[in-house]
């Protein structure tokens, strides 16, 4: 348990950031899952998934290469469906 006042504040901030990060990550995962499960994929839906992935990257939930990998996989799914 934190003892000093600053340690208590840091612990509280850590919990707030943890909650925020989990929300961003959950939104991203659900968007990807919904996109991959859908049989009629469109470019607009792909752009929406990209938006969630880029937002997670921007706030620091995932790293740049992870975001690129996820975007590549959903784009590949769209290309496969269209071919």
N, C-alpha and C. Protein backbone atom coordinates (compact mmCIF):
# COMPACT_ATOMS: atom_id res chain seq x y z
N UNK A 1 0.84 -1.19 0.00
CA UNK A 1 0.00 0.00 0.00
C UNK A 1 0.88 1.25 0.00
N UNK A 2 0.47 2.26 -0.76
CA UNK A 2 1.23 3.50 -0.78
C UNK A 2 1.17 4.21 0.58
N UNK A 3 2.27 4.81 0.93
CA UNK A 3 2.35 5.46 2.23
C UNK A 3 2.32 6.98 2.09
N UNK A 4 3.17 7.51 1.23
CA UNK A 4 3.23 8.96 1.07
C UNK A 4 2.05 9.47 0.27
N UNK A 5 1.81 10.78 0.40
CA UNK A 5 0.69 11.40 -0.30
C UNK A 5 0.86 11.29 -1.81
N UNK A 6 2.07 11.50 -2.30
CA UNK A 6 2.31 11.43 -3.75
C UNK A 6 2.14 10.01 -4.27
N UNK A 7 2.50 9.02 -3.45
CA UNK A 7 2.33 7.63 -3.86
C UNK A 7 0.84 7.27 -3.94
N UNK A 8 0.04 7.82 -3.03
CA UNK A 8 -1.39 7.58 -3.06
C UNK A 8 -2.01 8.20 -4.32
N UNK A 9 -1.56 9.41 -4.66
CA UNK A 9 -2.05 10.07 -5.87
C UNK A 9 -1.65 9.27 -7.11
N UNK A 10 -0.42 8.79 -7.11
CA UNK A 10 0.06 8.01 -8.25
C UNK A 10 -0.74 6.72 -8.39
N UNK A 11 -1.08 6.10 -7.29
CA UNK A 11 -1.86 4.87 -7.33
C UNK A 11 -3.26 5.14 -7.88
N UNK A 12 -3.85 6.27 -7.47
CA UNK A 12 -5.18 6.63 -7.99
C UNK A 12 -5.13 6.91 -9.48
N UNK A 13 -4.10 7.65 -9.90
CA UNK A 13 -3.94 7.96 -11.33
C UNK A 13 -3.74 6.68 -12.13
N UNK A 14 -3.00 5.77 -11.55
CA UNK A 14 -2.76 4.49 -12.23
C UNK A 14 -4.06 3.75 -12.48
N UNK A 15 -4.95 3.76 -11.50
CA UNK A 15 -6.25 3.10 -11.67
C UNK A 15 -7.11 3.78 -12.72
N UNK A 16 -7.05 5.12 -12.76
CA UNK A 16 -7.82 5.87 -13.75
C UNK A 16 -7.32 5.55 -15.15
N UNK A 17 -6.00 5.56 -15.33
CA UNK A 17 -5.43 5.25 -16.64
C UNK A 17 -5.69 3.81 -17.04
N UNK A 18 -5.66 2.92 -16.08
CA UNK A 18 -5.92 1.51 -16.36
C UNK A 18 -7.35 1.34 -16.88
N UNK A 19 -8.29 2.02 -16.25
CA UNK A 19 -9.68 1.94 -16.68
C UNK A 19 -9.83 2.52 -18.08
N UNK A 20 -9.22 3.67 -18.32
CA UNK A 20 -9.31 4.32 -19.63
C UNK A 20 -8.70 3.44 -20.72
N UNK A 21 -7.53 2.87 -20.43
CA UNK A 21 -6.85 2.02 -21.41
C UNK A 21 -7.67 0.78 -21.73
N UNK A 22 -8.28 0.19 -20.72
CA UNK A 22 -9.12 -0.99 -20.94
C UNK A 22 -10.33 -0.66 -21.81
N UNK A 23 -10.91 0.52 -21.61
CA UNK A 23 -12.05 0.93 -22.42
C UNK A 23 -11.65 1.09 -23.88
N UNK A 24 -10.51 1.76 -24.12
CA UNK A 24 -10.03 1.94 -25.49
C UNK A 24 -9.73 0.59 -26.14
N UNK A 25 -9.06 -0.26 -25.39
CA UNK A 25 -8.69 -1.57 -25.94
C UNK A 25 -9.93 -2.41 -26.24
N UNK A 26 -10.92 -2.36 -25.35
CA UNK A 26 -12.14 -3.12 -25.56
C UNK A 26 -12.89 -2.62 -26.80
N UNK A 27 -12.99 -1.29 -26.97
CA UNK A 27 -13.65 -0.74 -28.14
C UNK A 27 -12.96 -1.19 -29.42
N UNK A 28 -11.63 -1.16 -29.41
CA UNK A 28 -10.87 -1.56 -30.58
C UNK A 28 -11.10 -3.05 -30.88
N UNK A 29 -11.02 -3.88 -29.86
CA UNK A 29 -11.18 -5.32 -30.06
C UNK A 29 -12.58 -5.65 -30.57
N UNK A 30 -13.59 -4.99 -30.02
CA UNK A 30 -14.96 -5.25 -30.45
C UNK A 30 -15.18 -4.79 -31.89
N UNK A 31 -14.58 -3.67 -32.28
CA UNK A 31 -14.71 -3.19 -33.65
C UNK A 31 -14.06 -4.16 -34.63
N UNK A 32 -12.89 -4.67 -34.27
CA UNK A 32 -12.20 -5.63 -35.13
C UNK A 32 -13.01 -6.92 -35.24
N UNK A 33 -13.50 -7.40 -34.11
CA UNK A 33 -14.26 -8.64 -34.09
C UNK A 33 -15.54 -8.50 -34.93
N UNK A 34 -16.23 -7.39 -34.76
CA UNK A 34 -17.46 -7.15 -35.51
C UNK A 34 -17.17 -7.08 -37.01
N UNK A 35 -16.07 -6.43 -37.37
CA UNK A 35 -15.70 -6.31 -38.78
C UNK A 35 -15.37 -7.67 -39.38
N UNK A 36 -14.60 -8.48 -38.67
CA UNK A 36 -14.19 -9.78 -39.20
C UNK A 36 -15.36 -10.75 -39.28
N UNK A 37 -16.33 -10.61 -38.37
CA UNK A 37 -17.48 -11.51 -38.36
C UNK A 37 -18.48 -11.17 -39.46
N UNK A 38 -18.52 -9.89 -39.84
CA UNK A 38 -19.46 -9.42 -40.86
C UNK A 38 -19.13 -10.03 -42.22
N UNK A 39 -20.14 -10.49 -42.93
CA UNK A 39 -19.90 -11.10 -44.25
C UNK A 39 -19.85 -10.05 -45.35
N UNK A 40 -20.54 -8.93 -45.18
CA UNK A 40 -20.53 -7.87 -46.19
C UNK A 40 -19.65 -6.72 -45.71
N UNK A 41 -18.36 -6.87 -45.88
CA UNK A 41 -17.43 -5.84 -45.42
C UNK A 41 -17.38 -4.71 -46.45
N UNK A 42 -17.25 -3.47 -45.96
CA UNK A 42 -17.15 -2.33 -46.85
C UNK A 42 -16.00 -1.44 -46.42
N UNK A 43 -15.64 -0.52 -47.29
CA UNK A 43 -14.53 0.39 -47.01
C UNK A 43 -14.87 1.31 -45.83
N UNK A 44 -16.14 1.70 -45.71
CA UNK A 44 -16.55 2.59 -44.61
C UNK A 44 -16.35 1.88 -43.26
N UNK A 45 -16.70 0.61 -43.21
CA UNK A 45 -16.51 -0.16 -41.97
C UNK A 45 -15.02 -0.30 -41.66
N UNK A 46 -14.22 -0.51 -42.70
CA UNK A 46 -12.77 -0.60 -42.50
C UNK A 46 -12.22 0.70 -41.95
N UNK A 47 -12.71 1.82 -42.46
CA UNK A 47 -12.27 3.12 -41.96
C UNK A 47 -12.64 3.31 -40.49
N UNK A 48 -13.80 2.81 -40.10
CA UNK A 48 -14.21 2.91 -38.69
C UNK A 48 -13.29 2.09 -37.80
N UNK A 49 -12.89 0.90 -38.27
CA UNK A 49 -11.97 0.07 -37.49
C UNK A 49 -10.61 0.77 -37.40
N UNK A 50 -10.16 1.34 -38.52
CA UNK A 50 -8.90 2.09 -38.52
C UNK A 50 -8.94 3.23 -37.50
N UNK A 51 -10.09 3.88 -37.38
CA UNK A 51 -10.24 4.99 -36.44
C UNK A 51 -9.99 4.52 -35.01
N UNK A 52 -10.58 3.38 -34.65
CA UNK A 52 -10.39 2.85 -33.30
C UNK A 52 -8.94 2.45 -33.06
N UNK A 53 -8.33 1.82 -34.06
CA UNK A 53 -6.94 1.38 -33.92
C UNK A 53 -6.02 2.59 -33.77
N UNK A 54 -6.23 3.61 -34.61
CA UNK A 54 -5.38 4.80 -34.56
C UNK A 54 -5.55 5.55 -33.24
N UNK A 55 -6.76 5.57 -32.71
CA UNK A 55 -7.00 6.24 -31.43
C UNK A 55 -6.25 5.52 -30.31
N UNK A 56 -6.27 4.19 -30.34
CA UNK A 56 -5.54 3.42 -29.32
C UNK A 56 -4.04 3.69 -29.42
N UNK A 57 -3.57 3.80 -30.65
CA UNK A 57 -2.15 4.10 -30.85
C UNK A 57 -1.81 5.49 -30.34
N UNK A 58 -2.70 6.44 -30.61
CA UNK A 58 -2.46 7.83 -30.23
C UNK A 58 -2.36 8.01 -28.72
N UNK A 59 -3.26 7.34 -27.97
CA UNK A 59 -3.25 7.51 -26.52
C UNK A 59 -2.24 6.60 -25.83
N UNK A 60 -1.60 5.71 -26.60
CA UNK A 60 -0.52 4.90 -26.04
C UNK A 60 -0.95 3.55 -25.51
N UNK A 61 -2.14 3.10 -25.89
CA UNK A 61 -2.60 1.79 -25.43
C UNK A 61 -1.85 0.68 -26.16
N UNK A 62 -1.64 0.89 -27.47
CA UNK A 62 -0.85 -0.07 -28.26
C UNK A 62 0.28 0.69 -28.95
N UNK A 63 1.28 -0.05 -29.38
CA UNK A 63 2.43 0.57 -30.03
C UNK A 63 2.20 0.68 -31.53
N UNK A 64 3.09 1.42 -32.18
CA UNK A 64 2.94 1.72 -33.60
C UNK A 64 2.92 0.47 -34.47
N UNK A 65 3.84 -0.44 -34.24
CA UNK A 65 3.90 -1.65 -35.06
C UNK A 65 2.71 -2.57 -34.81
N UNK A 66 2.22 -2.60 -33.59
CA UNK A 66 1.04 -3.39 -33.27
C UNK A 66 -0.17 -2.84 -34.02
N UNK A 67 -0.29 -1.52 -34.04
CA UNK A 67 -1.39 -0.89 -34.77
C UNK A 67 -1.29 -1.21 -36.26
N UNK A 68 -0.10 -1.13 -36.80
CA UNK A 68 0.10 -1.43 -38.22
C UNK A 68 -0.26 -2.87 -38.52
N UNK A 69 0.11 -3.78 -37.65
CA UNK A 69 -0.19 -5.20 -37.85
C UNK A 69 -1.70 -5.44 -37.83
N UNK A 70 -2.40 -4.83 -36.88
CA UNK A 70 -3.84 -5.01 -36.79
C UNK A 70 -4.55 -4.42 -38.02
N UNK A 71 -4.11 -3.25 -38.46
CA UNK A 71 -4.70 -2.62 -39.64
C UNK A 71 -4.46 -3.48 -40.88
N UNK A 72 -3.28 -4.06 -40.96
CA UNK A 72 -2.95 -4.91 -42.10
C UNK A 72 -3.84 -6.14 -42.13
N UNK A 73 -4.09 -6.72 -40.99
CA UNK A 73 -4.91 -7.94 -40.93
C UNK A 73 -6.36 -7.68 -41.31
N UNK A 74 -6.91 -6.54 -40.88
CA UNK A 74 -8.30 -6.26 -41.25
C UNK A 74 -8.40 -5.87 -42.72
N UNK A 75 -7.38 -5.18 -43.24
CA UNK A 75 -7.38 -4.85 -44.67
C UNK A 75 -7.27 -6.11 -45.52
N UNK A 76 -6.48 -7.05 -45.05
CA UNK A 76 -6.33 -8.33 -45.76
C UNK A 76 -7.67 -9.07 -45.78
N UNK A 77 -8.42 -9.01 -44.69
CA UNK A 77 -9.73 -9.67 -44.63
C UNK A 77 -10.69 -9.03 -45.63
N UNK A 78 -10.64 -7.70 -45.76
CA UNK A 78 -11.50 -7.02 -46.73
C UNK A 78 -11.11 -7.40 -48.15
N UNK A 79 -9.80 -7.45 -48.44
CA UNK A 79 -9.33 -7.80 -49.77
C UNK A 79 -9.71 -9.23 -50.12
N UNK A 80 -9.62 -10.12 -49.16
CA UNK A 80 -9.96 -11.52 -49.38
C UNK A 80 -11.45 -11.66 -49.69
N UNK A 81 -12.29 -10.89 -48.99
CA UNK A 81 -13.72 -10.96 -49.18
C UNK A 81 -14.11 -10.40 -50.56
N UNK A 82 -13.40 -9.37 -51.01
CA UNK A 82 -13.73 -8.73 -52.28
C UNK A 82 -13.21 -9.50 -53.48
N UNK A 83 -12.25 -10.40 -53.28
CA UNK A 83 -11.71 -11.13 -54.42
C UNK A 83 -12.47 -12.39 -54.74
